[in-house]
Amino acid sequence: MARLKSLKPVVSSLKPRISYLKVDYDQTRRERYDWRKWYGLARWKALRLRVLERDGFTCQDCGRMDHDTSRLHADHKRAHRGDPSLFWDEQNVQCLCERCHNGAKQRAERRGRV
């Protein structure tokens, strides 16, 4: 049976590989999720407001009406997953209250039912 002291020189000579993997992983992840920047654009904010007005500031799931637009979400009916045609399609966006958006809708999307 080898002693731990005899393994020390072998272990110290190994190159750390995690730092190399982390750079590649972070860069790939950043590129894969570039579409998240679209939510900060003026074009998205205008689309969101048009959808909220079109739906009468009323949740399309539970029917709750809210005058405070910060508690309403412009939600994509079909997940776009970075597809610009689905992201910017006004017919693919609906008004949901915070409770419906963060509750049932998110659970359904995680299960792949939407």
N, C-alpha and C. Protein backbone atom coordinates (compact mmCIF):
# COMPACT_ATOMS: atom_id res chain seq x y z
N MET A 1 0.85 -1.18 0.00
CA MET A 1 0.00 0.00 0.00
C MET A 1 0.89 1.24 0.00
N ALA A 2 0.62 2.18 -0.89
CA ALA A 2 1.42 3.39 -1.01
C ALA A 2 1.09 4.37 0.09
N ARG A 3 2.12 5.06 0.50
CA ARG A 3 1.90 6.08 1.51
C ARG A 3 1.55 7.40 0.83
N LEU A 4 0.82 8.21 1.54
CA LEU A 4 0.39 9.49 0.99
C LEU A 4 1.57 10.38 0.61
N LYS A 5 2.68 10.29 1.35
CA LYS A 5 3.85 11.10 1.06
C LYS A 5 4.44 10.75 -0.30
N SER A 6 4.31 9.53 -0.69
CA SER A 6 4.89 9.13 -1.97
C SER A 6 4.06 9.61 -3.15
N LEU A 7 2.82 9.96 -2.94
CA LEU A 7 1.95 10.46 -4.00
C LEU A 7 2.08 11.97 -4.22
N LYS A 8 2.57 12.68 -3.24
CA LYS A 8 2.62 14.13 -3.30
C LYS A 8 3.37 14.66 -4.53
N PRO A 9 4.57 14.17 -4.88
CA PRO A 9 5.26 14.70 -6.06
C PRO A 9 4.48 14.46 -7.36
N VAL A 10 3.77 13.37 -7.46
CA VAL A 10 3.01 13.07 -8.67
C VAL A 10 1.83 14.03 -8.81
N VAL A 11 1.13 14.27 -7.73
CA VAL A 11 -0.04 15.15 -7.75
C VAL A 11 0.36 16.59 -8.03
N SER A 12 1.45 17.05 -7.47
CA SER A 12 1.86 18.45 -7.67
C SER A 12 2.33 18.72 -9.10
N SER A 13 2.72 17.69 -9.83
CA SER A 13 3.18 17.90 -11.20
C SER A 13 2.03 17.98 -12.20
N LEU A 14 0.83 17.63 -11.81
CA LEU A 14 -0.32 17.71 -12.71
C LEU A 14 -0.72 19.17 -12.92
N LYS A 15 -1.06 19.50 -14.17
CA LYS A 15 -1.47 20.86 -14.48
C LYS A 15 -2.93 21.06 -14.14
N PRO A 16 -3.27 22.21 -13.57
CA PRO A 16 -4.69 22.46 -13.31
C PRO A 16 -5.44 22.68 -14.63
N ARG A 17 -6.51 21.96 -14.83
CA ARG A 17 -7.26 22.04 -16.08
C ARG A 17 -8.58 22.77 -15.93
N ILE A 18 -9.01 23.00 -14.73
CA ILE A 18 -10.30 23.64 -14.51
C ILE A 18 -10.30 25.06 -15.05
N SER A 19 -9.21 25.79 -14.90
CA SER A 19 -9.17 27.18 -15.38
C SER A 19 -9.34 27.24 -16.89
N TYR A 20 -8.79 26.29 -17.61
CA TYR A 20 -8.95 26.27 -19.06
C TYR A 20 -10.40 25.98 -19.44
N LEU A 21 -11.01 25.04 -18.76
CA LEU A 21 -12.40 24.68 -19.04
C LEU A 21 -13.34 25.83 -18.71
N LYS A 22 -13.08 26.54 -17.62
CA LYS A 22 -13.98 27.60 -17.19
C LYS A 22 -14.05 28.72 -18.23
N VAL A 23 -12.93 29.10 -18.83
CA VAL A 23 -12.93 30.16 -19.83
C VAL A 23 -13.79 29.74 -21.02
N ASP A 24 -13.58 28.53 -21.52
CA ASP A 24 -14.36 28.05 -22.66
C ASP A 24 -15.84 27.96 -22.31
N TYR A 25 -16.15 27.47 -21.12
CA TYR A 25 -17.54 27.33 -20.70
C TYR A 25 -18.22 28.70 -20.61
N ASP A 26 -17.57 29.66 -19.98
CA ASP A 26 -18.14 31.00 -19.83
C ASP A 26 -18.36 31.67 -21.18
N GLN A 27 -17.40 31.53 -22.07
CA GLN A 27 -17.52 32.15 -23.39
C GLN A 27 -18.66 31.50 -24.18
N THR A 28 -18.75 30.18 -24.14
CA THR A 28 -19.81 29.47 -24.85
C THR A 28 -21.17 29.85 -24.29
N ARG A 29 -21.28 29.93 -22.97
CA ARG A 29 -22.54 30.27 -22.33
C ARG A 29 -22.96 31.69 -22.70
N ARG A 30 -22.00 32.60 -22.70
CA ARG A 30 -22.29 33.99 -23.05
C ARG A 30 -22.80 34.09 -24.48
N GLU A 31 -22.17 33.37 -25.38
CA GLU A 31 -22.61 33.38 -26.78
C GLU A 31 -23.97 32.74 -26.96
N ARG A 32 -24.23 31.68 -26.21
CA ARG A 32 -25.49 30.96 -26.33
C ARG A 32 -26.67 31.79 -25.84
N TYR A 33 -26.44 32.65 -24.86
CA TYR A 33 -27.53 33.43 -24.28
C TYR A 33 -27.44 34.92 -24.64
N ASP A 34 -26.89 35.24 -25.79
CA ASP A 34 -26.81 36.63 -26.24
C ASP A 34 -28.19 37.26 -26.40
N TRP A 35 -29.20 36.46 -26.66
CA TRP A 35 -30.55 36.99 -26.87
C TRP A 35 -31.12 37.64 -25.61
N ARG A 36 -30.55 37.38 -24.46
CA ARG A 36 -31.07 38.00 -23.23
C ARG A 36 -30.91 39.52 -23.26
N LYS A 37 -29.97 40.00 -24.07
CA LYS A 37 -29.78 41.44 -24.20
C LYS A 37 -30.98 42.10 -24.88
N TRP A 38 -31.74 41.33 -25.65
CA TRP A 38 -32.90 41.88 -26.36
C TRP A 38 -33.92 42.46 -25.40
N TYR A 39 -34.00 41.94 -24.18
CA TYR A 39 -34.98 42.44 -23.21
C TYR A 39 -34.68 43.88 -22.76
N GLY A 40 -33.47 44.34 -22.96
CA GLY A 40 -33.11 45.70 -22.58
C GLY A 40 -33.28 46.72 -23.70
N LEU A 41 -33.63 46.25 -24.89
CA LEU A 41 -33.76 47.15 -26.03
C LEU A 41 -35.06 47.94 -26.00
N ALA A 42 -35.02 49.13 -26.59
CA ALA A 42 -36.22 49.97 -26.69
C ALA A 42 -37.30 49.26 -27.52
N ARG A 43 -36.86 48.48 -28.50
CA ARG A 43 -37.81 47.75 -29.34
C ARG A 43 -38.64 46.77 -28.50
N TRP A 44 -38.00 46.07 -27.54
CA TRP A 44 -38.73 45.15 -26.67
C TRP A 44 -39.68 45.92 -25.74
N LYS A 45 -39.22 47.02 -25.20
CA LYS A 45 -40.05 47.80 -24.29
C LYS A 45 -41.30 48.33 -25.00
N ALA A 46 -41.15 48.72 -26.25
CA ALA A 46 -42.30 49.19 -27.03
C ALA A 46 -43.25 48.03 -27.33
N LEU A 47 -42.69 46.87 -27.68
CA LEU A 47 -43.51 45.69 -27.94
C LEU A 47 -44.27 45.28 -26.69
N ARG A 48 -43.59 45.29 -25.55
CA ARG A 48 -44.21 44.93 -24.28
C ARG A 48 -45.39 45.85 -23.98
N LEU A 49 -45.21 47.15 -24.15
CA LEU A 49 -46.28 48.10 -23.88
C LEU A 49 -47.46 47.90 -24.84
N ARG A 50 -47.18 47.65 -26.11
CA ARG A 50 -48.26 47.38 -27.07
C ARG A 50 -49.06 46.15 -26.67
N VAL A 51 -48.37 45.11 -26.21
CA VAL A 51 -49.05 43.87 -25.81
C VAL A 51 -49.89 44.11 -24.56
N LEU A 52 -49.35 44.83 -23.59
CA LEU A 52 -50.12 45.11 -22.37
C LEU A 52 -51.37 45.91 -22.69
N GLU A 53 -51.24 46.90 -23.57
CA GLU A 53 -52.40 47.70 -23.98
C GLU A 53 -53.39 46.86 -24.77
N ARG A 54 -52.89 46.03 -25.68
CA ARG A 54 -53.75 45.17 -26.48
C ARG A 54 -54.59 44.24 -25.59
N ASP A 55 -53.96 43.70 -24.54
CA ASP A 55 -54.65 42.78 -23.65
C ASP A 55 -55.40 43.50 -22.52
N GLY A 56 -55.40 44.82 -22.56
CA GLY A 56 -56.15 45.60 -21.57
C GLY A 56 -55.60 45.50 -20.16
N PHE A 57 -54.29 45.33 -20.03
CA PHE A 57 -53.62 45.21 -18.72
C PHE A 57 -54.28 44.11 -17.88
N THR A 58 -54.70 43.05 -18.55
CA THR A 58 -55.40 41.94 -17.90
C THR A 58 -54.62 40.65 -18.16
N CYS A 59 -54.44 39.87 -17.10
CA CYS A 59 -53.75 38.58 -17.22
C CYS A 59 -54.58 37.66 -18.11
N GLN A 60 -53.94 37.08 -19.10
CA GLN A 60 -54.63 36.20 -20.03
C GLN A 60 -54.88 34.82 -19.46
N ASP A 61 -54.31 34.53 -18.29
CA ASP A 61 -54.50 33.23 -17.66
C ASP A 61 -55.61 33.27 -16.61
N CYS A 62 -55.51 34.20 -15.67
CA CYS A 62 -56.49 34.23 -14.57
C CYS A 62 -57.50 35.36 -14.69
N GLY A 63 -57.27 36.33 -15.60
CA GLY A 63 -58.20 37.43 -15.79
C GLY A 63 -58.02 38.59 -14.83
N ARG A 64 -56.98 38.55 -14.02
CA ARG A 64 -56.72 39.62 -13.07
C ARG A 64 -56.26 40.88 -13.79
N MET A 65 -56.84 42.02 -13.43
CA MET A 65 -56.48 43.30 -14.04
C MET A 65 -55.61 44.07 -13.06
N ASP A 66 -54.54 44.69 -13.58
CA ASP A 66 -53.63 45.43 -12.71
C ASP A 66 -53.18 46.70 -13.43
N HIS A 67 -53.30 47.83 -12.78
CA HIS A 67 -52.90 49.09 -13.38
C HIS A 67 -51.39 49.33 -13.26
N ASP A 68 -50.74 48.60 -12.35
CA ASP A 68 -49.29 48.74 -12.15
C ASP A 68 -48.56 47.81 -13.14
N THR A 69 -47.98 48.40 -14.17
CA THR A 69 -47.36 47.60 -15.22
C THR A 69 -46.10 46.87 -14.75
N SER A 70 -45.53 47.27 -13.62
CA SER A 70 -44.34 46.57 -13.13
C SER A 70 -44.69 45.19 -12.60
N ARG A 71 -45.97 44.94 -12.31
CA ARG A 71 -46.40 43.62 -11.84
C ARG A 71 -46.99 42.77 -12.96
N LEU A 72 -46.92 43.27 -14.19
CA LEU A 72 -47.39 42.52 -15.35
C LEU A 72 -46.20 42.10 -16.20
N HIS A 73 -46.29 40.93 -16.78
CA HIS A 73 -45.21 40.41 -17.60
C HIS A 73 -45.69 40.22 -19.03
N ALA A 74 -44.85 40.58 -19.98
CA ALA A 74 -45.09 40.25 -21.37
C ALA A 74 -44.42 38.90 -21.59
N ASP A 75 -45.21 37.88 -21.68
CA ASP A 75 -44.71 36.50 -21.71
C ASP A 75 -44.84 35.90 -23.10
N HIS A 76 -43.83 35.16 -23.51
CA HIS A 76 -43.89 34.47 -24.79
C HIS A 76 -44.73 33.19 -24.64
N LYS A 77 -45.73 33.04 -25.47
CA LYS A 77 -46.57 31.84 -25.43
C LYS A 77 -45.75 30.60 -25.77
N ARG A 78 -45.06 30.67 -26.88
CA ARG A 78 -44.13 29.60 -27.26
C ARG A 78 -42.73 30.09 -26.95
N ALA A 79 -41.96 29.28 -26.24
CA ALA A 79 -40.59 29.67 -25.88
C ALA A 79 -39.77 29.92 -27.13
N HIS A 80 -39.07 31.05 -27.17
CA HIS A 80 -38.33 31.42 -28.38
C HIS A 80 -36.95 30.79 -28.44
N ARG A 81 -36.31 30.55 -27.30
CA ARG A 81 -34.99 29.93 -27.22
C ARG A 81 -33.98 30.58 -28.17
N GLY A 82 -34.06 31.91 -28.28
CA GLY A 82 -33.12 32.67 -29.10
C GLY A 82 -33.53 32.85 -30.54
N ASP A 83 -34.69 32.35 -30.93
CA ASP A 83 -35.18 32.52 -32.30
C ASP A 83 -35.77 33.92 -32.44
N PRO A 84 -35.17 34.80 -33.24
CA PRO A 84 -35.64 36.18 -33.34
C PRO A 84 -37.06 36.30 -33.88
N SER A 85 -37.46 35.43 -34.79
CA SER A 85 -38.81 35.53 -35.35
C SER A 85 -39.87 35.25 -34.28
N LEU A 86 -39.60 34.31 -33.37
CA LEU A 86 -40.54 34.04 -32.28
C LEU A 86 -40.47 35.12 -31.21
N PHE A 87 -39.26 35.62 -30.96
CA PHE A 87 -39.09 36.63 -29.92
C PHE A 87 -39.84 37.91 -30.25
N TRP A 88 -39.74 38.38 -31.48
CA TRP A 88 -40.31 39.67 -31.86
C TRP A 88 -41.74 39.55 -32.40
N ASP A 89 -42.31 38.36 -32.48
CA ASP A 89 -43.66 38.17 -32.99
C ASP A 89 -44.67 38.62 -31.93
N GLU A 90 -45.42 39.67 -32.25
CA GLU A 90 -46.39 40.22 -31.29
C GLU A 90 -47.49 39.22 -30.94
N GLN A 91 -47.84 38.35 -31.87
CA GLN A 91 -48.88 37.36 -31.61
C GLN A 91 -48.39 36.24 -30.68
N ASN A 92 -47.08 36.14 -30.49
CA ASN A 92 -46.51 35.13 -29.60
C ASN A 92 -46.34 35.66 -28.18
N VAL A 93 -46.69 36.91 -27.94
CA VAL A 93 -46.50 37.52 -26.63
C VAL A 93 -47.87 37.80 -26.01
N GLN A 94 -47.99 37.49 -24.72
CA GLN A 94 -49.25 37.71 -24.00
C GLN A 94 -48.97 38.39 -22.66
N CYS A 95 -49.99 38.97 -22.09
CA CYS A 95 -49.89 39.63 -20.80
C CYS A 95 -50.22 38.61 -19.70
N LEU A 96 -49.33 38.48 -18.73
CA LEU A 96 -49.57 37.62 -17.57
C LEU A 96 -49.25 38.38 -16.30
N CYS A 97 -50.03 38.12 -15.25
CA CYS A 97 -49.71 38.73 -13.96
C CYS A 97 -48.49 38.01 -13.38
N GLU A 98 -47.90 38.61 -12.38
CA GLU A 98 -46.68 38.06 -11.80
C GLU A 98 -46.90 36.66 -11.23
N ARG A 99 -48.03 36.45 -10.59
CA ARG A 99 -48.32 35.16 -9.98
C ARG A 99 -48.41 34.05 -11.04
N CYS A 100 -49.13 34.30 -12.11
CA CYS A 100 -49.27 33.29 -13.17
C CYS A 100 -47.95 33.06 -13.90
N HIS A 101 -47.21 34.14 -14.17
CA HIS A 101 -45.94 34.02 -14.90
C HIS A 101 -44.91 33.26 -14.09
N ASN A 102 -44.78 33.57 -12.82
CA ASN A 102 -43.74 32.95 -12.00
C ASN A 102 -44.18 31.62 -11.41
N GLY A 103 -45.45 31.29 -11.52
CA GLY A 103 -45.94 30.04 -10.95
C GLY A 103 -46.16 28.97 -11.98
N ALA A 104 -47.40 28.83 -12.40
CA ALA A 104 -47.79 27.73 -13.29
C ALA A 104 -47.05 27.76 -14.62
N LYS A 105 -46.86 28.93 -15.19
CA LYS A 105 -46.21 29.04 -16.50
C LYS A 105 -44.77 28.55 -16.44
N GLN A 106 -44.02 28.95 -15.42
CA GLN A 106 -42.63 28.54 -15.30
C GLN A 106 -42.51 27.04 -15.04
N ARG A 107 -43.41 26.50 -14.21
CA ARG A 107 -43.38 25.06 -13.96
C ARG A 107 -43.68 24.28 -15.23
N ALA A 108 -44.65 24.75 -16.00
CA ALA A 108 -45.01 24.08 -17.26
C ALA A 108 -43.85 24.13 -18.26
N GLU A 109 -43.15 25.26 -18.33
CA GLU A 109 -42.02 25.38 -19.25
C GLU A 109 -40.88 24.45 -18.84
N ARG A 110 -40.62 24.35 -17.53
CA ARG A 110 -39.56 23.46 -17.08
C ARG A 110 -39.88 22.00 -17.40
N ARG A 111 -41.15 21.66 -17.38
CA ARG A 111 -41.56 20.28 -17.69
C ARG A 111 -41.69 20.05 -19.20
N GLY A 112 -41.58 21.12 -19.97
CA GLY A 112 -41.67 21.00 -21.42
C GLY A 112 -43.08 20.86 -21.94
N ARG A 113 -44.06 21.39 -21.22
CA ARG A 113 -45.46 21.25 -21.61
C ARG A 113 -46.00 22.44 -22.38
N VAL A 114 -45.19 23.48 -22.53
CA VAL A 114 -45.67 24.67 -23.24
C VAL A 114 -44.98 24.76 -24.58
